[in-house]
Amino acid sequence: MNQLDRLRANVPTTPDTTRGPRGPRPDAPGRRRDGDGDELIIEVLAKLGADHVAAGDEISGIWENGLFFFGTLGGAEHGAGIFHIRGVWERSMHVDELSTSLMFANDWNAQHVWPKVFVQQDETDLLLHGEVTADLGADPAFEQVENLITTAVSAVLEVFRVAERAFPNAPRIVESPPG
């Protein structure tokens, strides 16, 4: 079972399949009483059994064909209820495909409310991003953040699946190790 399937099925995993701290589940009624949104994200990812790394202010993880970054906007002093999830496709396109990749992103954004899709140039390559930002209020419930993460990751991965069909020759940014 791949990681996205575990997220969808909410199947627990063994501790050695996750990286990062495991925090206790928030107390009833599903609200955080201490800490910030980033700690809540880490708790949700751990509960989901999602491979992730929490280093400093950055929380990241890899799902199927994308690298994802998780965080909150505004900081703890502003309630940290605005959650931001961004995925970067594991493939890149050459700058010669700028027009085609921008049309892909614009078409997606014209037909879907979210995730927002955009293209970013990195020297000679173009990187495809999908992102979701949601205001869950000053005191979000664990279940709200869990639902946001699973929905956002699934939606961004759908963008990447469509991109694989649109750009079948796009090379991987990092090749998988042999074996």
C-alpha atoms as a PDB file:
ATOM      1  CA  MET A   1       0.000   0.000   0.000  1.00  0.00           C
ATOM      2  CA  ASN A   2       1.502   3.337  -1.012  1.00  0.00           C
ATOM      3  CA  GLN A   3       1.546   6.364   1.255  1.00  0.00           C
ATOM      4  CA  LEU A   4      -1.435   8.085  -0.370  1.00  0.00           C
ATOM      5  CA  ASP A   5      -3.516   4.924   0.000  1.00  0.00           C
ATOM      6  CA  ARG A   6      -2.619   4.877   3.712  1.00  0.00           C
ATOM      7  CA  LEU A   7      -3.676   8.512   3.976  1.00  0.00           C
ATOM      8  CA  ARG A   8      -6.980   7.781   2.280  1.00  0.00           C
ATOM      9  CA  ALA A   9      -7.627   4.636   4.281  1.00  0.00           C
ATOM     10  CA  ASN A  10      -6.350   6.188   7.504  1.00  0.00           C
ATOM     11  CA  VAL A  11      -4.417   2.989   8.165  1.00  0.00           C
ATOM     12  CA  PRO A  12      -1.975   3.249  11.071  1.00  0.00           C
ATOM     13  CA  THR A  13       1.623   2.308  10.428  1.00  0.00           C
ATOM     14  CA  THR A  14       4.478   1.193  12.596  1.00  0.00           C
ATOM     15  CA  PRO A  15       6.697   3.884  14.165  1.00  0.00           C
ATOM     16  CA  ASP A  16       9.659   2.994  11.952  1.00  0.00           C
ATOM     17  CA  THR A  17       7.733   4.017   8.814  1.00  0.00           C
ATOM     18  CA  THR A  18       7.498   7.657   9.874  1.00  0.00           C
ATOM     19  CA  ARG A  19      10.074  10.256  10.587  1.00  0.00           C
ATOM     20  CA  GLY A  20       9.630  13.213  12.857  1.00  0.00           C
ATOM     21  CA  PRO A  21       8.265  13.602  16.342  1.00  0.00           C
ATOM     22  CA  ARG A  22       5.064  11.925  17.393  1.00  0.00           C
ATOM     23  CA  GLY A  23       2.925  14.074  19.586  1.00  0.00           C
ATOM     24  CA  PRO A  24      -0.079  13.108  21.653  1.00  0.00           C
ATOM     25  CA  ARG A  25      -3.508  13.369  20.100  1.00  0.00           C
ATOM     26  CA  PRO A  26      -5.202  16.602  21.177  1.00  0.00           C
ATOM     27  CA  ASP A  27      -7.602  16.310  24.069  1.00  0.00           C
ATOM     28  CA  ALA A  28     -11.387  16.431  23.675  1.00  0.00           C
ATOM     29  CA  PRO A  29     -13.240  17.960  21.939  1.00  0.00           C
ATOM     30  CA  GLY A  30     -10.559  17.781  19.271  1.00  0.00           C
ATOM     31  CA  ARG A  31      -9.125  21.226  19.920  1.00  0.00           C
ATOM     32  CA  ARG A  32      -5.550  22.229  20.640  1.00  0.00           C
ATOM     33  CA  ARG A  33      -5.010  23.866  23.962  1.00  0.00           C
ATOM     34  CA  ASP A  34      -1.290  24.601  23.520  1.00  0.00           C
ATOM     35  CA  GLY A  35       1.342  24.814  20.805  1.00  0.00           C
ATOM     36  CA  ASP A  36       0.958  26.155  17.304  1.00  0.00           C
ATOM     37  CA  GLY A  37      -0.341  25.088  13.901  1.00  0.00           C
ATOM     38  CA  ASP A  38       2.985  23.562  12.854  1.00  0.00           C
ATOM     39  CA  GLU A  39       2.881  21.210  15.854  1.00  0.00           C
ATOM     40  CA  LEU A  40      -0.649  20.241  14.879  1.00  0.00           C
ATOM     41  CA  ILE A  41       0.510  19.488  11.326  1.00  0.00           C
ATOM     42  CA  ILE A  42       3.262  17.235  12.687  1.00  0.00           C
ATOM     43  CA  GLU A  43       0.744  15.414  14.899  1.00  0.00           C
ATOM     44  CA  VAL A  44      -1.612  14.868  11.965  1.00  0.00           C
ATOM     45  CA  LEU A  45       1.169  13.603   9.687  1.00  0.00           C
ATOM     46  CA  ALA A  46       2.356  11.233  12.414  1.00  0.00           C
ATOM     47  CA  LYS A  47      -1.161   9.910  12.994  1.00  0.00           C
ATOM     48  CA  LEU A  48      -1.563   9.342   9.263  1.00  0.00           C
ATOM     49  CA  GLY A  49       1.715   7.448   9.163  1.00  0.00           C
ATOM     50  CA  ALA A  50       2.993   9.883   6.553  1.00  0.00           C
ATOM     51  CA  ASP A  51       6.734   9.996   5.965  1.00  0.00           C
ATOM     52  CA  HIS A  52       7.774  13.509   6.909  1.00  0.00           C
ATOM     53  CA  VAL A  53      10.664  15.575   8.185  1.00  0.00           C
ATOM     54  CA  ALA A  54      10.326  18.502  10.556  1.00  0.00           C
ATOM     55  CA  ALA A  55      13.459  20.658  10.493  1.00  0.00           C
ATOM     56  CA  GLY A  56      13.262  24.130  11.965  1.00  0.00           C
ATOM     57  CA  ASP A  57      10.293  25.960  10.508  1.00  0.00           C
ATOM     58  CA  GLU A  58       9.943  23.558   7.577  1.00  0.00           C
ATOM     59  CA  ILE A  59       7.807  20.436   7.481  1.00  0.00           C
ATOM     60  CA  SER A  60       8.101  18.340   4.341  1.00  0.00           C
ATOM     61  CA  GLY A  61       7.233  14.930   3.001  1.00  0.00           C
ATOM     62  CA  ILE A  62       7.212  12.935  -0.213  1.00  0.00           C
ATOM     63  CA  TRP A  63       4.084  11.363  -1.686  1.00  0.00           C
ATOM     64  CA  GLU A  64       4.055   9.321  -4.860  1.00  0.00           C
ATOM     65  CA  ASN A  65       5.274  11.858  -7.427  1.00  0.00           C
ATOM     66  CA  GLY A  66       5.679  15.056  -5.446  1.00  0.00           C
ATOM     67  CA  LEU A  67       7.527  16.788  -2.639  1.00  0.00           C
ATOM     68  CA  PHE A  68       5.193  18.554  -0.208  1.00  0.00           C
ATOM     69  CA  PHE A  69       5.749  21.401   2.231  1.00  0.00           C
ATOM     70  CA  PHE A  70       3.391  22.140   5.120  1.00  0.00           C
ATOM     71  CA  GLY A  71       3.111  25.195   7.320  1.00  0.00           C
ATOM     72  CA  THR A  72       1.039  27.997   8.714  1.00  0.00           C
ATOM     73  CA  LEU A  73       0.990  31.620   7.684  1.00  0.00           C
ATOM     74  CA  GLY A  74       0.976  34.550  10.067  1.00  0.00           C
ATOM     75  CA  GLY A  75       2.758  32.883  12.964  1.00  0.00           C
ATOM     76  CA  ALA A  76       1.552  31.967  16.432  1.00  0.00           C
ATOM     77  CA  GLU A  77       0.807  35.599  17.336  1.00  0.00           C
ATOM     78  CA  HIS A  78      -1.884  35.661  14.634  1.00  0.00           C
ATOM     79  CA  GLY A  79      -3.506  32.373  15.638  1.00  0.00           C
ATOM     80  CA  ALA A  80      -1.685  30.289  13.009  1.00  0.00           C
ATOM     81  CA  GLY A  81      -5.033  29.148  11.647  1.00  0.00           C
ATOM     82  CA  ILE A  82      -4.079  29.727   8.013  1.00  0.00           C
ATOM     83  CA  PHE A  83      -2.638  26.461   6.757  1.00  0.00           C
ATOM     84  CA  HIS A  84      -0.531  26.270   3.612  1.00  0.00           C
ATOM     85  CA  ILE A  85       0.292  23.083   1.695  1.00  0.00           C
ATOM     86  CA  ARG A  86       2.457  23.177  -1.425  1.00  0.00           C
ATOM     87  CA  GLY A  87       3.496  20.305  -3.656  1.00  0.00           C
ATOM     88  CA  VAL A  88       6.280  20.330  -6.241  1.00  0.00           C
ATOM     89  CA  TRP A  89       6.069  17.795  -9.079  1.00  0.00           C
ATOM     90  CA  GLU A  90       8.937  15.291  -9.195  1.00  0.00           C
ATOM     91  CA  ARG A  91       9.551  16.156 -12.843  1.00  0.00           C
ATOM     92  CA  SER A  92      10.709  19.304 -14.582  1.00  0.00           C
ATOM     93  CA  MET A  93      10.163  20.836 -17.983  1.00  0.00           C
ATOM     94  CA  HIS A  94      12.733  22.680 -20.081  1.00  0.00           C
ATOM     95  CA  VAL A  95      12.333  26.463 -20.379  1.00  0.00           C
ATOM     96  CA  ASP A  96      11.444  25.948 -24.046  1.00  0.00           C
ATOM     97  CA  GLU A  97       8.132  24.566 -22.760  1.00  0.00           C
ATOM     98  CA  LEU A  98       7.268  27.749 -20.846  1.00  0.00           C
ATOM     99  CA  SER A  99       4.290  28.615 -23.026  1.00  0.00           C
ATOM    100  CA  THR A 100       2.862  25.086 -22.899  1.00  0.00           C
ATOM    101  CA  SER A 101       3.375  24.741 -19.153  1.00  0.00           C
ATOM    102  CA  LEU A 102       1.777  28.136 -18.465  1.00  0.00           C
ATOM    103  CA  MET A 103      -1.213  27.135 -20.596  1.00  0.00           C
ATOM    104  CA  PHE A 104      -1.450  23.891 -18.600  1.00  0.00           C
ATOM    105  CA  ALA A 105      -1.493  25.836 -15.296  1.00  0.00           C
ATOM    106  CA  ASN A 106      -3.954  28.439 -16.610  1.00  0.00           C
ATOM    107  CA  ASP A 107      -6.301  25.767 -17.960  1.00  0.00           C
ATOM    108  CA  TRP A 108      -6.236  23.934 -14.632  1.00  0.00           C
ATOM    109  CA  ASN A 109      -6.892  27.129 -12.663  1.00  0.00           C
ATOM    110  CA  ALA A 110      -9.731  28.129 -15.012  1.00  0.00           C
ATOM    111  CA  GLN A 111     -11.468  24.772 -14.530  1.00  0.00           C
ATOM    112  CA  HIS A 112     -10.803  24.114 -10.820  1.00  0.00           C
ATOM    113  CA  VAL A 113     -11.150  26.161  -7.665  1.00  0.00           C
ATOM    114  CA  TRP A 114      -8.144  24.462  -6.103  1.00  0.00           C
ATOM    115  CA  PRO A 115      -5.442  23.506  -5.853  1.00  0.00           C
ATOM    116  CA  LYS A 116      -3.884  26.605  -7.329  1.00  0.00           C
ATOM    117  CA  VAL A 117      -1.324  25.567  -9.946  1.00  0.00           C
ATOM    118  CA  PHE A 118       1.636  27.604 -11.116  1.00  0.00           C
ATOM    119  CA  VAL A 119       4.956  27.228 -12.893  1.00  0.00           C
ATOM    120  CA  GLN A 120       8.249  28.503 -11.489  1.00  0.00           C
ATOM    121  CA  GLN A 121      11.456  28.879 -13.477  1.00  0.00           C
ATOM    122  CA  ASP A 122      14.642  27.498 -11.917  1.00  0.00           C
ATOM    123  CA  GLU A 123      17.605  28.321 -14.207  1.00  0.00           C
ATOM    124  CA  THR A 124      16.991  26.049 -17.237  1.00  0.00           C
ATOM    125  CA  ASP A 125      14.059  24.116 -15.788  1.00  0.00           C
ATOM    126  CA  LEU A 126      10.415  24.794 -15.064  1.00  0.00           C
ATOM    127  CA  LEU A 127       8.886  23.395 -11.892  1.00  0.00           C
ATOM    128  CA  LEU A 128       5.170  22.709 -11.537  1.00  0.00           C
ATOM    129  CA  HIS A 129       3.620  23.587  -8.168  1.00  0.00           C
ATOM    130  CA  GLY A 130       0.208  22.930  -6.698  1.00  0.00           C
ATOM    131  CA  GLU A 131      -0.882  24.627  -3.502  1.00  0.00           C
ATOM    132  CA  VAL A 132      -3.765  24.927  -1.098  1.00  0.00           C
ATOM    133  CA  THR A 133      -4.197  27.630   1.521  1.00  0.00           C
ATOM    134  CA  ALA A 134      -7.091  27.487   3.972  1.00  0.00           C
ATOM    135  CA  ASP A 135      -8.107  29.555   6.983  1.00  0.00           C
ATOM    136  CA  LEU A 136      -9.219  27.126   9.682  1.00  0.00           C
ATOM    137  CA  GLY A 137      -9.637  29.803  12.339  1.00  0.00           C
ATOM    138  CA  ALA A 138      -7.668  30.563  15.479  1.00  0.00           C
ATOM    139  CA  ASP A 139      -8.281  27.210  17.154  1.00  0.00           C
ATOM    140  CA  PRO A 140      -8.580  24.509  14.469  1.00  0.00           C
ATOM    141  CA  ALA A 141      -9.665  21.001  15.380  1.00  0.00           C
ATOM    142  CA  PHE A 142      -7.298  18.103  14.776  1.00  0.00           C
ATOM    143  CA  GLU A 143      -9.875  16.588  12.403  1.00  0.00           C
ATOM    144  CA  GLN A 144     -10.073  19.815  10.354  1.00  0.00           C
ATOM    145  CA  VAL A 145      -6.321  19.820   9.788  1.00  0.00           C
ATOM    146  CA  GLU A 146      -6.336  16.087   9.041  1.00  0.00           C
ATOM    147  CA  ASN A 147      -9.088  16.553   6.449  1.00  0.00           C
ATOM    148  CA  LEU A 148      -7.310  19.531   4.898  1.00  0.00           C
ATOM    149  CA  ILE A 149      -4.009  17.672   4.582  1.00  0.00           C
ATOM    150  CA  THR A 150      -5.493  14.508   3.064  1.00  0.00           C
ATOM    151  CA  THR A 151      -7.697  16.488   0.677  1.00  0.00           C
ATOM    152  CA  ALA A 152      -4.944  18.905  -0.369  1.00  0.00           C
ATOM    153  CA  VAL A 153      -2.356  16.177  -0.963  1.00  0.00           C
ATOM    154  CA  SER A 154      -4.866  14.139  -2.989  1.00  0.00           C
ATOM    155  CA  ALA A 155      -5.869  17.167  -5.074  1.00  0.00           C
ATOM    156  CA  VAL A 156      -2.275  18.204  -5.817  1.00  0.00           C
ATOM    157  CA  LEU A 157      -1.357  14.625  -6.720  1.00  0.00           C
ATOM    158  CA  GLU A 158      -4.230  14.642  -9.218  1.00  0.00           C
ATOM    159  CA  VAL A 159      -2.669  17.716 -10.865  1.00  0.00           C
ATOM    160  CA  PHE A 160       0.626  15.829 -11.100  1.00  0.00           C
ATOM    161  CA  ARG A 161      -1.093  12.787 -12.655  1.00  0.00           C
ATOM    162  CA  VAL A 162      -2.664  15.032 -15.297  1.00  0.00           C
ATOM    163  CA  ALA A 163       0.727  16.706 -15.864  1.00  0.00           C
ATOM    164  CA  GLU A 164       2.316  13.291 -16.486  1.00  0.00           C
ATOM    165  CA  ARG A 165      -0.091  12.789 -19.377  1.00  0.00           C
ATOM    166  CA  ALA A 166       0.458  16.330 -20.677  1.00  0.00           C
ATOM    167  CA  PHE A 167       4.262  16.162 -20.386  1.00  0.00           C
ATOM    168  CA  PRO A 168       5.158  12.476 -20.820  1.00  0.00           C
ATOM    169  CA  ASN A 169       8.822  13.196 -21.599  1.00  0.00           C
ATOM    170  CA  ALA A 170       9.469  15.452 -18.606  1.00  0.00           C
ATOM    171  CA  PRO A 171      12.544  14.102 -16.780  1.00  0.00           C
ATOM    172  CA  ARG A 172      12.564  13.381 -13.070  1.00  0.00           C
ATOM    173  CA  ILE A 173      14.261  16.018 -10.963  1.00  0.00           C
ATOM    174  CA  VAL A 174      15.974  13.332  -8.914  1.00  0.00           C
ATOM    175  CA  GLU A 175      16.268   9.819 -10.258  1.00  0.00           C
ATOM    176  CA  SER A 176      15.224   6.994  -7.972  1.00  0.00           C
ATOM    177  CA  PRO A 177      18.100   4.902  -6.636  1.00  0.00           C
ATOM    178  CA  PRO A 178      18.576   1.551  -8.416  1.00  0.00           C
ATOM    179  CA  GLY A 179      17.094  -1.589  -6.919  1.00  0.00           C
END
